[in-house]
Amino acid sequence: MKRRTFLKAGIGLGSATLLAGIYAWQVEPYWLEFVKLDMPIKNLPQELVGKKLVQISDIHVGNRFSHQYLIDSFLKAQVLDPDWVVYTGDFTHFEDSEQYEQLKKVMKSATKGNIGTFASLGNHDYGHGWSMPEVADETQSILEQSGIQTLRDEKLNSEGLTIYGLEDLWGTNFNPQKVMQTWSPEEASLVLCHNPDVCDLNVWNGFDGWILAGHTHGGQVKPPFLPAPILPVKNRRYSQGKIDFDDGRTLYINRALGHLVPLRVNVRPEITVFTLSQA
């Protein structure tokens, strides 16, 4: 009887482990969540109140998972009829020039805003070792051809909302001071910044609005009630979601739509939907 009980327990444990593995590999990585939040912005013109801004991050086009998942996700987001769409970096998991053609195909279905569509670049957009600026330039070219304006330590006023886009912290061209020095407290503005560790650098010139980031994927695997054990940031506070600073800045870290490895536990992929309001 003891041997029979032991065998049953072993079979049950093995089955549970198998099911958990299938869930983490085949279910949660493609179980997209639309996270909806209010976004109060200082100096926001009255005519922009109620407008929608969608954030998509870390799509990682490459050879790790089906591109159809990304295309289907884009189409779902387009149904929301967003006014702005912003992409916060890591468009490819770059291995070689094949990713350029893959990105062109995927971005034909990219979600775009009725008013504007903007992007910042991530570390993976700089190729191997984040040290290939030519990969970033080609990625930007593909995005521009797809109707997405890439902001590389630049800003643009989009019908009353000023959008800043910072180069990636780990890339070769990171120099945010030059654009943040132009920030004015009279603006209605937000910042696109792939790596949230930039929030801890002395580059902000008093900026006191929203910062939209990605990069962490929320750790992709998070034990219940515990922090994610693996995060690609120095500041372990920067995992996912909304973080309020004491200086007026508000950071939001998107959990990523794509994956470096298609494995997720307790960290569903995300597209964020912000509704603009006056702070």
Protein backbone atom coordinates (compact mmCIF):
# COMPACT_ATOMS: atom_id res chain seq x y z
CA MET A 1 0.00 0.00 0.00
CA LYS A 2 2.80 2.41 0.83
CA ARG A 3 4.46 1.72 -2.52
CA ARG A 4 1.15 2.20 -4.36
CA THR A 5 0.51 5.49 -2.54
CA PHE A 6 4.01 6.65 -3.33
CA LEU A 7 3.56 5.86 -7.03
CA LYS A 8 0.23 7.72 -7.16
CA ALA A 9 1.76 10.74 -5.47
CA GLY A 10 4.67 10.67 -7.91
CA ILE A 11 2.36 10.45 -10.92
CA GLY A 12 0.22 13.29 -9.55
CA LEU A 13 3.26 15.47 -8.95
CA GLY A 14 4.64 14.73 -12.38
CA SER A 15 1.32 15.57 -14.02
CA ALA A 16 1.04 18.84 -12.11
CA THR A 17 4.59 19.78 -13.09
CA LEU A 18 3.88 18.98 -16.73
CA LEU A 19 0.70 21.06 -16.73
CA ALA A 20 2.48 23.97 -15.04
CA GLY A 21 5.22 23.81 -17.64
CA ILE A 22 2.72 23.81 -20.50
CA TYR A 23 0.93 26.79 -18.95
CA ALA A 24 4.16 28.78 -18.50
CA TRP A 25 5.34 27.98 -22.03
CA GLN A 26 2.18 27.88 -24.15
CA VAL A 27 -0.53 29.81 -22.28
CA GLU A 28 0.63 32.79 -20.22
CA PRO A 29 3.18 34.13 -22.76
CA TYR A 30 0.25 34.75 -25.13
CA TRP A 31 -2.43 35.69 -22.58
CA LEU A 32 -2.40 39.41 -23.31
CA GLU A 33 -3.71 41.86 -20.71
CA PHE A 34 -4.89 45.39 -21.49
CA VAL A 35 -4.06 47.50 -18.43
CA LYS A 36 -6.16 50.68 -18.23
CA LEU A 37 -5.01 53.72 -16.25
CA ASP A 38 -5.77 57.39 -15.85
CA MET A 39 -2.89 59.69 -16.85
CA PRO A 40 -3.13 63.15 -15.21
CA ILE A 41 -0.87 65.61 -17.08
CA LYS A 42 -0.03 69.13 -15.98
CA ASN A 43 -1.00 71.91 -18.40
CA LEU A 44 -2.98 69.50 -20.56
CA PRO A 45 -5.19 71.46 -22.98
CA GLN A 46 -8.89 70.98 -22.36
CA GLU A 47 -9.42 69.55 -25.84
CA LEU A 48 -7.05 66.65 -25.04
CA VAL A 49 -8.90 65.54 -21.92
CA GLY A 50 -10.26 62.04 -22.43
CA LYS A 51 -7.90 61.20 -25.29
CA LYS A 52 -6.35 57.72 -25.29
CA LEU A 53 -2.65 56.92 -25.38
CA VAL A 54 -1.57 53.29 -25.84
CA GLN A 55 1.88 52.04 -24.81
CA ILE A 56 3.40 48.96 -26.44
CA SER A 57 6.87 47.77 -25.45
CA ASP A 58 9.49 45.10 -26.13
CA ILE A 59 7.97 43.23 -29.06
CA HIS A 60 11.28 41.40 -29.74
CA VAL A 61 10.67 40.34 -33.33
CA GLY A 62 12.96 37.42 -34.07
CA ASN A 63 13.07 33.65 -34.13
CA ARG A 64 11.91 32.90 -30.58
CA PHE A 65 8.09 32.88 -31.01
CA SER A 66 5.39 33.31 -33.65
CA HIS A 67 5.07 36.74 -35.21
CA GLN A 68 1.35 36.14 -35.65
CA TYR A 69 0.89 36.66 -31.91
CA LEU A 70 2.29 40.18 -32.27
CA ILE A 71 0.15 40.94 -35.31
CA ASP A 72 -3.00 39.68 -33.58
CA SER A 73 -2.15 41.80 -30.52
CA PHE A 74 -1.68 44.90 -32.67
CA LEU A 75 -5.08 44.37 -34.26
CA LYS A 76 -6.73 44.00 -30.85
CA ALA A 77 -5.16 47.27 -29.71
CA GLN A 78 -6.25 49.05 -32.89
CA VAL A 79 -9.89 48.32 -32.00
CA LEU A 80 -9.43 50.71 -29.05
CA ASP A 81 -9.12 53.55 -31.60
CA PRO A 82 -6.19 55.21 -29.78
CA ASP A 83 -5.29 58.85 -30.31
CA TRP A 84 -1.58 58.24 -29.70
CA VAL A 85 0.45 55.05 -29.71
CA VAL A 86 3.95 54.96 -28.24
CA TYR A 87 6.46 52.12 -28.49
CA THR A 88 9.16 51.99 -25.83
CA GLY A 89 11.95 50.00 -27.45
CA ASP A 90 13.34 46.56 -28.19
CA PHE A 91 11.72 46.02 -31.57
CA THR A 92 13.84 43.00 -32.44
CA HIS A 93 15.86 40.25 -30.85
CA PHE A 94 18.68 40.96 -33.26
CA GLU A 95 20.74 38.06 -34.58
CA ASP A 96 21.40 39.13 -38.18
CA SER A 97 19.85 41.06 -41.05
CA GLU A 98 16.96 38.58 -41.21
CA GLN A 99 15.33 40.54 -38.39
CA TYR A 100 15.02 43.58 -40.65
CA GLU A 101 12.70 41.72 -43.01
CA GLN A 102 10.80 40.18 -40.12
CA LEU A 103 10.29 43.62 -38.55
CA LYS A 104 9.07 45.09 -41.85
CA LYS A 105 6.46 42.33 -42.13
CA VAL A 106 5.24 42.66 -38.53
CA MET A 107 5.08 46.45 -38.56
CA LYS A 108 2.79 46.44 -41.57
CA SER A 109 0.11 45.64 -38.97
CA ALA A 110 1.45 47.99 -36.28
CA THR A 111 -1.05 49.75 -34.04
CA LYS A 112 -1.02 53.47 -34.83
CA GLY A 113 -2.67 56.49 -33.29
CA ASN A 114 -5.14 58.81 -34.95
CA ILE A 115 -3.06 61.82 -33.87
CA GLY A 116 0.44 60.38 -33.78
CA THR A 117 2.64 57.32 -33.31
CA PHE A 118 6.06 57.60 -31.69
CA ALA A 119 8.88 55.35 -30.51
CA SER A 120 12.05 55.25 -28.48
CA LEU A 121 14.71 52.60 -29.02
CA GLY A 122 15.87 49.88 -26.61
CA ASN A 123 19.16 48.11 -26.00
CA HIS A 124 18.32 45.22 -28.35
CA ASP A 125 17.83 47.75 -31.13
CA TYR A 126 21.60 48.30 -30.95
CA GLY A 127 22.45 44.75 -32.00
CA HIS A 128 25.10 42.52 -30.47
CA GLY A 129 26.48 43.85 -27.21
CA TRP A 130 24.33 46.95 -27.71
CA SER A 131 27.26 48.30 -29.72
CA MET A 132 26.00 48.42 -33.33
CA PRO A 133 24.59 51.88 -34.11
CA GLU A 134 23.96 50.80 -37.69
CA VAL A 135 21.32 48.37 -36.39
CA ALA A 136 19.59 51.22 -34.55
CA ASP A 137 19.67 53.34 -37.69
CA GLU A 138 18.14 50.59 -39.83
CA THR A 139 15.50 49.89 -37.18
CA GLN A 140 14.60 53.57 -37.17
CA SER A 141 14.34 53.54 -40.97
CA ILE A 142 11.94 50.58 -40.89
CA LEU A 143 9.81 52.26 -38.23
CA GLU A 144 9.66 55.50 -40.22
CA GLN A 145 8.55 53.54 -43.30
CA SER A 146 5.82 52.02 -41.11
CA GLY A 147 4.52 55.44 -40.06
CA ILE A 148 6.20 55.50 -36.65
CA GLN A 149 8.34 58.50 -35.72
CA THR A 150 11.40 57.56 -33.67
CA LEU A 151 12.57 60.12 -31.11
CA ARG A 152 16.26 59.75 -30.27
CA ASP A 153 17.03 62.30 -27.57
CA GLU A 154 14.43 64.44 -29.30
CA LYS A 155 11.01 65.90 -28.61
CA LEU A 156 7.97 66.75 -30.71
CA ASN A 157 4.78 68.67 -30.01
CA SER A 158 1.81 66.60 -31.11
CA GLU A 159 -1.28 68.79 -31.10
CA GLY A 160 -0.57 70.19 -27.64
CA LEU A 161 1.15 67.17 -26.07
CA THR A 162 4.95 67.29 -26.10
CA ILE A 163 6.50 63.83 -26.34
CA TYR A 164 10.17 63.30 -25.46
CA GLY A 165 12.02 60.19 -26.60
CA LEU A 166 15.34 59.22 -25.01
CA GLU A 167 18.06 57.05 -26.51
CA ASP A 168 18.70 53.78 -24.69
CA LEU A 169 20.85 53.85 -21.56
CA TRP A 170 22.95 50.91 -22.79
CA GLY A 171 23.20 52.04 -26.42
CA THR A 172 25.97 53.97 -28.09
CA ASN A 173 24.25 57.36 -28.40
CA PHE A 174 22.76 57.98 -24.94
CA ASN A 175 22.83 61.73 -24.24
CA PRO A 176 19.46 62.81 -22.82
CA GLN A 177 20.71 66.05 -21.27
CA LYS A 178 20.59 67.88 -24.59
CA VAL A 179 16.84 67.39 -25.01
CA MET A 180 15.82 67.49 -21.34
CA GLN A 181 17.49 70.91 -21.03
CA THR A 182 14.77 72.19 -23.34
CA TRP A 183 11.95 71.07 -21.04
CA SER A 184 9.66 73.82 -19.81
CA PRO A 185 7.30 73.55 -16.81
CA GLU A 186 4.66 75.20 -19.01
CA GLU A 187 4.48 72.16 -21.30
CA ALA A 188 2.02 69.30 -21.23
CA SER A 189 4.56 66.54 -21.70
CA LEU A 190 5.67 62.95 -21.14
CA VAL A 191 8.88 61.00 -21.72
CA LEU A 192 9.52 57.69 -23.49
CA CYS A 193 12.50 55.93 -21.94
CA HIS A 194 13.21 52.23 -22.48
CA ASN A 195 15.34 51.48 -19.41
CA PRO A 196 13.84 52.75 -16.12
CA ASP A 197 17.29 53.03 -14.49
CA VAL A 198 17.57 56.36 -16.31
CA CYS A 199 15.16 57.73 -13.69
CA ASP A 200 18.01 57.67 -11.16
CA LEU A 201 20.39 59.75 -13.27
CA ASN A 202 20.85 63.49 -12.96
CA VAL A 203 19.49 64.31 -16.41
CA TRP A 204 15.91 65.46 -15.81
CA ASN A 205 16.22 69.26 -15.41
CA GLY A 206 13.25 69.39 -13.04
CA PHE A 207 10.89 67.38 -15.25
CA ASP A 208 7.84 66.44 -13.21
CA GLY A 209 5.58 64.40 -15.49
CA TRP A 210 5.09 60.83 -16.69
CA ILE A 211 7.94 58.57 -17.81
CA LEU A 212 6.94 55.48 -19.82
CA ALA A 213 9.45 52.62 -19.81
CA GLY A 214 9.75 48.92 -20.58
CA HIS A 215 12.87 46.70 -20.58
CA THR A 216 12.17 44.60 -17.48
CA HIS A 217 9.33 42.39 -18.79
CA GLY A 218 8.27 42.40 -15.14
CA GLY A 219 10.89 39.70 -14.68
CA GLN A 220 8.69 37.30 -16.72
CA VAL A 221 8.66 34.85 -13.80
CA LYS A 222 7.37 36.07 -10.45
CA PRO A 223 6.64 33.77 -7.50
CA PRO A 224 3.38 34.61 -5.69
CA PHE A 225 3.82 37.31 -3.03
CA LEU A 226 7.55 37.61 -3.82
CA PRO A 227 9.53 39.95 -6.10
CA ALA A 228 10.74 38.76 -9.46
CA PRO A 229 14.13 37.06 -8.95
CA ILE A 230 15.64 38.25 -12.25
CA LEU A 231 15.46 41.89 -13.38
CA PRO A 232 17.84 43.60 -15.86
CA VAL A 233 18.06 46.83 -13.83
CA LYS A 234 20.27 48.19 -11.06
CA ASN A 235 17.31 49.55 -9.08
CA ARG A 236 15.33 46.50 -7.98
CA ARG A 237 12.33 48.72 -7.33
CA TYR A 238 11.88 49.01 -11.08
CA SER A 239 9.97 45.84 -11.88
CA GLN A 240 6.57 46.71 -13.34
CA GLY A 241 3.62 49.07 -13.07
CA LYS A 242 3.22 52.57 -11.68
CA ILE A 243 5.82 54.14 -9.39
CA ASP A 244 5.36 57.63 -7.93
CA PHE A 245 8.49 59.62 -7.09
CA ASP A 246 8.69 62.37 -4.50
CA ASP A 247 9.67 64.99 -7.09
CA GLY A 248 6.50 64.99 -9.19
CA ARG A 249 7.61 62.34 -11.68
CA THR A 250 5.52 59.23 -12.27
CA LEU A 251 7.15 56.15 -13.81
CA TYR A 252 5.19 53.44 -15.56
CA ILE A 253 6.95 50.19 -16.52
CA ASN A 254 5.16 48.10 -19.13
CA ARG A 255 5.54 44.30 -18.73
CA ALA A 256 6.29 43.85 -22.47
CA LEU A 257 4.25 42.38 -25.28
CA GLY A 258 6.97 40.04 -26.54
CA HIS A 259 9.58 37.86 -24.88
CA LEU A 260 13.25 37.03 -25.12
CA VAL A 261 12.25 33.51 -24.07
CA PRO A 262 8.53 32.57 -24.35
CA LEU A 263 8.16 31.70 -20.69
CA ARG A 264 6.00 33.60 -18.21
CA VAL A 265 4.66 32.88 -14.75
CA ASN A 266 2.44 35.38 -12.94
CA VAL A 267 3.58 38.14 -15.34
CA ARG A 268 1.19 38.34 -18.28
CA PRO A 269 2.20 40.29 -21.40
CA GLU A 270 0.76 43.79 -21.46
CA ILE A 271 -0.51 46.63 -23.58
CA THR A 272 -1.22 49.74 -21.51
CA VAL A 273 -4.12 52.09 -22.24
CA PHE A 274 -3.92 55.55 -20.66
CA THR A 275 -6.77 58.05 -20.59
CA LEU A 276 -5.48 61.61 -20.42
CA SER A 277 -6.77 64.05 -17.82
CA GLN A 278 -5.70 67.37 -16.32
CA ALA A 279 -3.47 67.09 -13.26
